[in-house]
Amino acid sequence: MDAEIIPFPLARELDPERSTAQREISQILERAIDALPEPFRVVLVARLVEEMSIEQTAELLAIRQETVKTRLHRARKLLRDHMEREVGPMFTDLFPFDGKRCERMADAVIARLRGG
């Protein structure tokens, strides 16, 4: 009797470039989290990694719930800013806007503006 391998529906093979890029982004994110000021990092980890509630986090750290919310908000902003500085420049190379691609895009925009 021959066995048939049925792939798991959500399983997808990643190409080596995508796997490398994901690892690289994960490392950038880890470094960004490590670089957060401790009060922000502790709240971020408690809330997002440990999946603690605002109430649980406040109790654990002996701070007000409003303080937990504020620190989480600031931690996320710092992470966003850090990721934008680290990863943002890569988008320029990822989606070059020149040559035929630029010309095609500009023609499409102008045609739409003219109603065509």
Protein backbone atom coordinates (compact mmCIF):
# COMPACT_ATOMS: atom_id res chain seq x y z
CA MET A 1 0.00 0.00 0.00
CA ASP A 2 1.44 3.36 -1.02
CA ALA A 3 1.21 6.24 1.43
CA GLU A 4 0.38 9.69 0.23
CA ILE A 5 1.82 12.75 1.92
CA ILE A 6 -0.80 15.41 2.40
CA PRO A 7 0.78 18.81 3.00
CA PHE A 8 -0.53 20.85 5.89
CA PRO A 9 -2.69 23.63 4.36
CA LEU A 10 -0.86 26.49 6.07
CA ALA A 11 2.59 25.09 5.44
CA ARG A 12 4.46 26.95 2.78
CA GLU A 13 7.98 26.57 1.64
CA LEU A 14 9.97 29.75 1.83
CA ASP A 15 12.62 30.48 -0.67
CA PRO A 16 16.10 31.05 0.77
CA GLU A 17 16.01 34.80 0.14
CA ARG A 18 12.72 35.21 2.01
CA SER A 19 13.93 33.04 4.90
CA THR A 20 17.11 35.08 5.17
CA ALA A 21 15.18 38.36 5.05
CA GLN A 22 12.78 37.19 7.77
CA ARG A 23 15.68 36.13 10.01
CA GLU A 24 17.39 39.45 9.42
CA ILE A 25 14.24 41.43 10.29
CA SER A 26 13.73 39.29 13.39
CA GLN A 27 17.27 40.06 14.51
CA ILE A 28 16.75 43.79 13.93
CA LEU A 29 13.54 43.63 15.96
CA GLU A 30 15.24 41.71 18.79
CA ARG A 31 18.02 44.29 18.96
CA ALA A 32 15.44 47.09 18.94
CA ILE A 33 13.58 45.49 21.85
CA ASP A 34 16.82 44.96 23.75
CA ALA A 35 17.67 48.64 23.23
CA LEU A 36 14.41 49.90 24.75
CA PRO A 37 14.67 51.58 28.14
CA GLU A 38 13.98 48.91 30.75
CA PRO A 39 10.59 50.23 31.96
CA PHE A 40 9.27 50.16 28.38
CA ARG A 41 10.89 46.82 27.53
CA VAL A 42 9.45 45.08 30.61
CA VAL A 43 5.92 46.29 29.84
CA LEU A 44 6.23 45.37 26.15
CA VAL A 45 7.42 41.84 26.95
CA ALA A 46 4.77 41.32 29.62
CA ARG A 47 1.95 42.49 27.35
CA LEU A 48 2.97 41.19 23.92
CA VAL A 49 5.22 38.22 24.60
CA GLU A 50 3.75 36.89 27.84
CA GLU A 51 0.25 38.02 26.80
CA MET A 52 -0.50 39.46 30.22
CA SER A 53 -3.46 41.80 30.62
CA ILE A 54 -3.05 45.45 31.52
CA GLU A 55 -4.27 44.63 35.02
CA GLN A 56 -1.82 41.72 35.44
CA THR A 57 1.08 43.79 34.16
CA ALA A 58 0.23 46.69 36.47
CA GLU A 59 0.02 44.34 39.43
CA LEU A 60 3.26 42.57 38.55
CA LEU A 61 5.18 45.84 38.26
CA ALA A 62 3.31 47.63 41.06
CA ILE A 63 2.36 50.52 38.78
CA ARG A 64 -0.93 52.05 37.67
CA GLN A 65 -2.78 50.64 34.68
CA GLU A 66 -2.51 54.02 32.95
CA THR A 67 1.26 53.79 33.32
CA VAL A 68 1.24 50.35 31.66
CA LYS A 69 -0.74 51.77 28.72
CA THR A 70 1.56 54.77 28.38
CA ARG A 71 4.73 52.68 28.52
CA LEU A 72 3.39 50.20 25.98
CA HIS A 73 2.42 53.05 23.66
CA ARG A 74 5.87 54.62 23.95
CA ALA A 75 7.63 51.27 23.53
CA ARG A 76 5.73 50.63 20.31
CA LYS A 77 6.56 54.09 19.01
CA LEU A 78 10.25 53.60 19.78
CA LEU A 79 10.19 50.23 18.01
CA ARG A 80 8.39 51.70 14.99
CA ASP A 81 10.93 54.51 14.76
CA HIS A 82 13.84 52.10 15.13
CA MET A 83 12.48 49.72 12.49
CA GLU A 84 11.80 52.59 10.11
CA ARG A 85 15.41 53.77 10.45
CA GLU A 86 16.81 50.25 10.04
CA VAL A 87 14.50 48.75 7.43
CA GLY A 88 13.09 51.82 5.68
CA PRO A 89 16.10 52.44 3.43
CA MET A 90 15.78 48.88 2.10
CA PHE A 91 12.46 49.79 0.45
CA THR A 92 14.20 52.20 -1.92
CA ASP A 93 16.18 49.31 -3.37
CA LEU A 94 13.26 46.90 -3.17
CA PHE A 95 10.91 48.93 -5.35
CA PRO A 96 13.02 51.03 -7.69
CA PHE A 97 11.00 53.69 -9.44
CA ASP A 98 12.87 54.45 -12.61
CA GLY A 99 13.10 53.56 -16.26
CA LYS A 100 10.22 51.68 -17.91
CA ARG A 101 8.48 51.08 -14.58
CA CYS A 102 8.45 54.79 -13.79
CA GLU A 103 7.29 55.70 -17.27
CA ARG A 104 4.48 53.11 -17.20
CA MET A 105 3.32 54.28 -13.76
CA ALA A 106 3.41 57.96 -14.74
CA ASP A 107 1.44 57.25 -17.94
CA ALA A 108 -1.20 55.31 -15.95
CA VAL A 109 -1.58 58.14 -13.42
CA ILE A 110 -1.88 60.81 -16.10
CA ALA A 111 -4.44 58.74 -18.01
CA ARG A 112 -6.54 58.35 -14.86
CA LEU A 113 -6.32 62.02 -14.09
CA ARG A 114 -7.60 62.79 -17.57
CA GLY A 115 -10.47 60.36 -17.04
CA GLY A 116 -9.19 57.73 -19.40
